[in-house]
Amino acid sequence: MECWIGVVTEGNRRVVRVAGRLGAAHVPELLTACAAGEGALEINLSDLAAADSAGIEVLQRARSKGATLVGTPGYILLKIDSAASRP
């Protein structure tokens, strides 16, 4: 599996689950999943194995816009934090 993106609504919260390897080719699908619907957005990254620079950037932007990242592997969280601290 390269990348799987699923969406479920739980009450007033939308959960987007990302599994596999998030790359530039999957960014449009992730953006669409994150933009669809209303309410709080949670992105579950428990099954994310890897992300390229485009994937890291979209996750960082989503977090900066208020999305909650859940289950983020440590090394991916370091990449997201590093991208956020760049000018």
N, C-alpha and C. Protein backbone atom coordinates (compact mmCIF):
# COMPACT_ATOMS: atom_id res chain seq x y z
N MET A 1 0.84 -1.18 0.00
CA MET A 1 0.00 0.00 0.00
C MET A 1 0.89 1.24 0.00
N GLU A 2 0.64 2.11 -0.96
CA GLU A 2 1.40 3.36 -0.99
C GLU A 2 0.83 4.34 0.02
N CYS A 3 -0.44 4.73 -0.15
CA CYS A 3 -1.08 5.65 0.79
C CYS A 3 -2.58 5.43 0.76
N TRP A 4 -3.17 5.42 1.93
CA TRP A 4 -4.61 5.30 2.07
C TRP A 4 -5.10 6.45 2.92
N ILE A 5 -6.15 7.13 2.49
CA ILE A 5 -6.74 8.25 3.22
C ILE A 5 -8.22 7.97 3.37
N GLY A 6 -8.68 7.93 4.62
CA GLY A 6 -10.08 7.66 4.91
C GLY A 6 -10.65 8.75 5.80
N VAL A 7 -11.95 8.98 5.68
CA VAL A 7 -12.62 10.03 6.46
C VAL A 7 -13.84 9.43 7.14
N VAL A 8 -14.01 9.78 8.41
CA VAL A 8 -15.19 9.38 9.15
C VAL A 8 -15.62 10.56 10.01
N THR A 9 -16.93 10.70 10.20
CA THR A 9 -17.46 11.76 11.05
C THR A 9 -17.90 11.15 12.36
N GLU A 10 -17.41 11.70 13.46
CA GLU A 10 -17.77 11.24 14.80
C GLU A 10 -18.37 12.43 15.55
N GLY A 11 -19.69 12.52 15.56
CA GLY A 11 -20.34 13.66 16.20
C GLY A 11 -20.05 14.93 15.41
N ASN A 12 -19.48 15.92 16.09
CA ASN A 12 -19.14 17.18 15.41
C ASN A 12 -17.66 17.22 15.02
N ARG A 13 -17.04 16.06 14.96
CA ARG A 13 -15.61 15.97 14.65
C ARG A 13 -15.42 15.09 13.43
N ARG A 14 -14.56 15.55 12.52
CA ARG A 14 -14.20 14.79 11.33
C ARG A 14 -12.81 14.21 11.56
N VAL A 15 -12.69 12.91 11.36
CA VAL A 15 -11.40 12.24 11.53
C VAL A 15 -10.90 11.79 10.16
N VAL A 16 -9.72 12.28 9.79
CA VAL A 16 -9.07 11.86 8.55
C VAL A 16 -7.92 10.95 8.96
N ARG A 17 -7.93 9.73 8.46
CA ARG A 17 -6.89 8.77 8.81
C ARG A 17 -5.98 8.58 7.60
N VAL A 18 -4.68 8.68 7.84
CA VAL A 18 -3.70 8.53 6.77
C VAL A 18 -2.80 7.35 7.11
N ALA A 19 -2.65 6.43 6.17
CA ALA A 19 -1.82 5.25 6.39
C ALA A 19 -0.89 5.05 5.20
N GLY A 20 0.27 4.49 5.47
CA GLY A 20 1.24 4.20 4.41
C GLY A 20 2.24 5.32 4.22
N ARG A 21 2.52 5.63 2.96
CA ARG A 21 3.53 6.63 2.61
C ARG A 21 2.86 7.83 1.94
N LEU A 22 2.86 8.96 2.64
CA LEU A 22 2.23 10.18 2.14
C LEU A 22 3.22 10.94 1.27
N GLY A 23 2.89 11.07 -0.01
CA GLY A 23 3.76 11.77 -0.94
C GLY A 23 3.03 12.86 -1.68
N ALA A 24 3.75 13.59 -2.49
CA ALA A 24 3.19 14.71 -3.24
C ALA A 24 1.96 14.30 -4.06
N ALA A 25 1.95 13.09 -4.57
CA ALA A 25 0.82 12.63 -5.38
C ALA A 25 -0.46 12.51 -4.57
N HIS A 26 -0.34 12.39 -3.24
CA HIS A 26 -1.51 12.20 -2.38
C HIS A 26 -1.98 13.48 -1.71
N VAL A 27 -1.21 14.55 -1.85
CA VAL A 27 -1.54 15.82 -1.22
C VAL A 27 -2.92 16.34 -1.65
N PRO A 28 -3.27 16.33 -2.94
CA PRO A 28 -4.60 16.82 -3.32
C PRO A 28 -5.73 16.04 -2.64
N GLU A 29 -5.60 14.73 -2.55
CA GLU A 29 -6.63 13.91 -1.89
C GLU A 29 -6.72 14.24 -0.41
N LEU A 30 -5.57 14.45 0.25
CA LEU A 30 -5.58 14.81 1.66
C LEU A 30 -6.19 16.19 1.87
N LEU A 31 -5.85 17.14 1.01
CA LEU A 31 -6.44 18.48 1.12
C LEU A 31 -7.95 18.43 0.96
N THR A 32 -8.43 17.65 0.02
CA THR A 32 -9.87 17.50 -0.20
C THR A 32 -10.54 16.87 1.02
N ALA A 33 -9.91 15.85 1.57
CA ALA A 33 -10.47 15.18 2.76
C ALA A 33 -10.53 16.12 3.94
N CYS A 34 -9.51 16.95 4.09
CA CYS A 34 -9.47 17.89 5.21
C CYS A 34 -10.45 19.05 5.03
N ALA A 35 -10.71 19.44 3.80
CA ALA A 35 -11.57 20.59 3.53
C ALA A 35 -13.06 20.22 3.55
N ALA A 36 -13.38 18.99 3.28
CA ALA A 36 -14.78 18.57 3.20
C ALA A 36 -15.40 18.51 4.59
N GLY A 37 -16.56 19.12 4.73
CA GLY A 37 -17.28 19.03 5.99
C GLY A 37 -16.99 20.18 6.93
N GLU A 38 -17.66 20.11 8.06
CA GLU A 38 -17.53 21.15 9.08
C GLU A 38 -17.14 20.52 10.40
N GLY A 39 -16.86 21.36 11.38
CA GLY A 39 -16.53 20.88 12.70
C GLY A 39 -15.03 20.72 12.88
N ALA A 40 -14.67 20.23 14.05
CA ALA A 40 -13.26 20.03 14.39
C ALA A 40 -12.64 18.97 13.49
N LEU A 41 -11.39 19.17 13.14
CA LEU A 41 -10.67 18.23 12.28
C LEU A 41 -9.56 17.55 13.05
N GLU A 42 -9.58 16.24 13.00
CA GLU A 42 -8.53 15.43 13.61
C GLU A 42 -7.89 14.60 12.51
N ILE A 43 -6.57 14.62 12.44
CA ILE A 43 -5.85 13.81 11.45
C ILE A 43 -5.11 12.72 12.22
N ASN A 44 -5.50 11.48 12.01
CA ASN A 44 -4.90 10.36 12.70
C ASN A 44 -3.77 9.80 11.84
N LEU A 45 -2.57 9.86 12.37
CA LEU A 45 -1.37 9.44 11.64
C LEU A 45 -0.74 8.19 12.24
N SER A 46 -1.49 7.45 13.03
CA SER A 46 -0.96 6.26 13.71
C SER A 46 -0.33 5.26 12.75
N ASP A 47 -0.89 5.16 11.54
CA ASP A 47 -0.40 4.18 10.57
C ASP A 47 0.41 4.81 9.44
N LEU A 48 0.86 6.04 9.66
CA LEU A 48 1.69 6.70 8.65
C LEU A 48 3.12 6.18 8.76
N ALA A 49 3.64 5.63 7.68
CA ALA A 49 4.98 5.05 7.68
C ALA A 49 6.03 6.07 7.27
N ALA A 50 5.69 6.98 6.36
CA ALA A 50 6.65 7.96 5.86
C ALA A 50 5.90 9.09 5.18
N ALA A 51 6.58 10.23 5.05
CA ALA A 51 6.01 11.37 4.33
C ALA A 51 7.15 12.15 3.69
N ASP A 52 6.96 12.52 2.42
CA ASP A 52 7.98 13.33 1.76
C ASP A 52 7.77 14.79 2.14
N SER A 53 8.55 15.69 1.58
CA SER A 53 8.49 17.10 1.98
C SER A 53 7.13 17.72 1.70
N ALA A 54 6.48 17.33 0.61
CA ALA A 54 5.14 17.85 0.31
C ALA A 54 4.13 17.36 1.34
N GLY A 55 4.24 16.12 1.74
CA GLY A 55 3.35 15.56 2.76
C GLY A 55 3.55 16.24 4.10
N ILE A 56 4.80 16.46 4.47
CA ILE A 56 5.11 17.15 5.72
C ILE A 56 4.53 18.56 5.70
N GLU A 57 4.69 19.24 4.58
CA GLU A 57 4.20 20.61 4.47
C GLU A 57 2.69 20.69 4.63
N VAL A 58 1.96 19.79 4.01
CA VAL A 58 0.49 19.83 4.11
C VAL A 58 0.04 19.50 5.53
N LEU A 59 0.73 18.60 6.21
CA LEU A 59 0.39 18.29 7.60
C LEU A 59 0.68 19.48 8.51
N GLN A 60 1.79 20.15 8.25
CA GLN A 60 2.15 21.33 9.04
C GLN A 60 1.12 22.44 8.83
N ARG A 61 0.71 22.66 7.59
CA ARG A 61 -0.30 23.69 7.30
C ARG A 61 -1.64 23.36 7.95
N ALA A 62 -2.03 22.08 7.90
CA ALA A 62 -3.29 21.67 8.51
C ALA A 62 -3.26 21.93 10.01
N ARG A 63 -2.14 21.59 10.64
CA ARG A 63 -2.01 21.82 12.08
C ARG A 63 -2.06 23.31 12.40
N SER A 64 -1.41 24.13 11.58
CA SER A 64 -1.40 25.57 11.84
C SER A 64 -2.78 26.19 11.65
N LYS A 65 -3.65 25.50 10.89
CA LYS A 65 -5.02 25.99 10.69
C LYS A 65 -5.99 25.41 11.71
N GLY A 66 -5.48 24.68 12.70
CA GLY A 66 -6.32 24.20 13.78
C GLY A 66 -6.60 22.72 13.83
N ALA A 67 -6.11 21.96 12.87
CA ALA A 67 -6.31 20.50 12.91
C ALA A 67 -5.48 19.90 14.04
N THR A 68 -6.01 18.86 14.65
CA THR A 68 -5.30 18.14 15.69
C THR A 68 -4.67 16.91 15.04
N LEU A 69 -3.36 16.75 15.21
CA LEU A 69 -2.66 15.57 14.71
C LEU A 69 -2.58 14.56 15.84
N VAL A 70 -3.06 13.34 15.58
CA VAL A 70 -3.13 12.30 16.60
C VAL A 70 -2.28 11.11 16.17
N GLY A 71 -1.57 10.52 17.11
CA GLY A 71 -0.79 9.31 16.83
C GLY A 71 0.37 9.53 15.89
N THR A 72 0.88 10.74 15.84
CA THR A 72 1.96 11.06 14.91
C THR A 72 3.25 10.37 15.34
N PRO A 73 3.85 9.57 14.46
CA PRO A 73 5.14 8.97 14.80
C PRO A 73 6.17 10.06 15.12
N GLY A 74 7.03 9.79 16.08
CA GLY A 74 7.99 10.78 16.57
C GLY A 74 8.84 11.43 15.50
N TYR A 75 9.38 10.64 14.59
CA TYR A 75 10.26 11.21 13.57
C TYR A 75 9.49 12.10 12.59
N ILE A 76 8.22 11.79 12.35
CA ILE A 76 7.40 12.64 11.48
C ILE A 76 7.04 13.92 12.20
N LEU A 77 6.76 13.83 13.49
CA LEU A 77 6.47 15.03 14.28
C LEU A 77 7.69 15.96 14.28
N LEU A 78 8.88 15.41 14.38
CA LEU A 78 10.10 16.23 14.31
C LEU A 78 10.20 16.95 12.97
N LYS A 79 9.86 16.27 11.88
CA LYS A 79 9.89 16.90 10.56
C LYS A 79 8.86 18.01 10.47
N ILE A 80 7.66 17.78 11.01
CA ILE A 80 6.60 18.79 10.97
C ILE A 80 7.02 20.00 11.78
N ASP A 81 7.55 19.78 12.97
CA ASP A 81 8.01 20.89 13.82
C ASP A 81 9.16 21.65 13.17
N SER A 82 10.05 20.92 12.52
CA SER A 82 11.18 21.56 11.83
C SER A 82 10.69 22.42 10.67
N ALA A 83 9.71 21.94 9.91
CA ALA A 83 9.15 22.70 8.80
C ALA A 83 8.45 23.95 9.30
N ALA A 84 7.81 23.84 10.47
CA ALA A 84 7.08 24.98 11.03
C ALA A 84 8.03 26.08 11.50
N SER A 85 9.23 25.71 11.88
CA SER A 85 10.17 26.71 12.42
C SER A 85 10.99 27.40 11.34
N ARG A 86 10.88 26.94 10.10
CA ARG A 86 11.60 27.60 8.99
C ARG A 86 10.92 28.90 8.61
N PRO A 87 11.68 29.90 8.20
CA PRO A 87 11.08 31.18 7.80
C PRO A 87 10.29 31.07 6.50
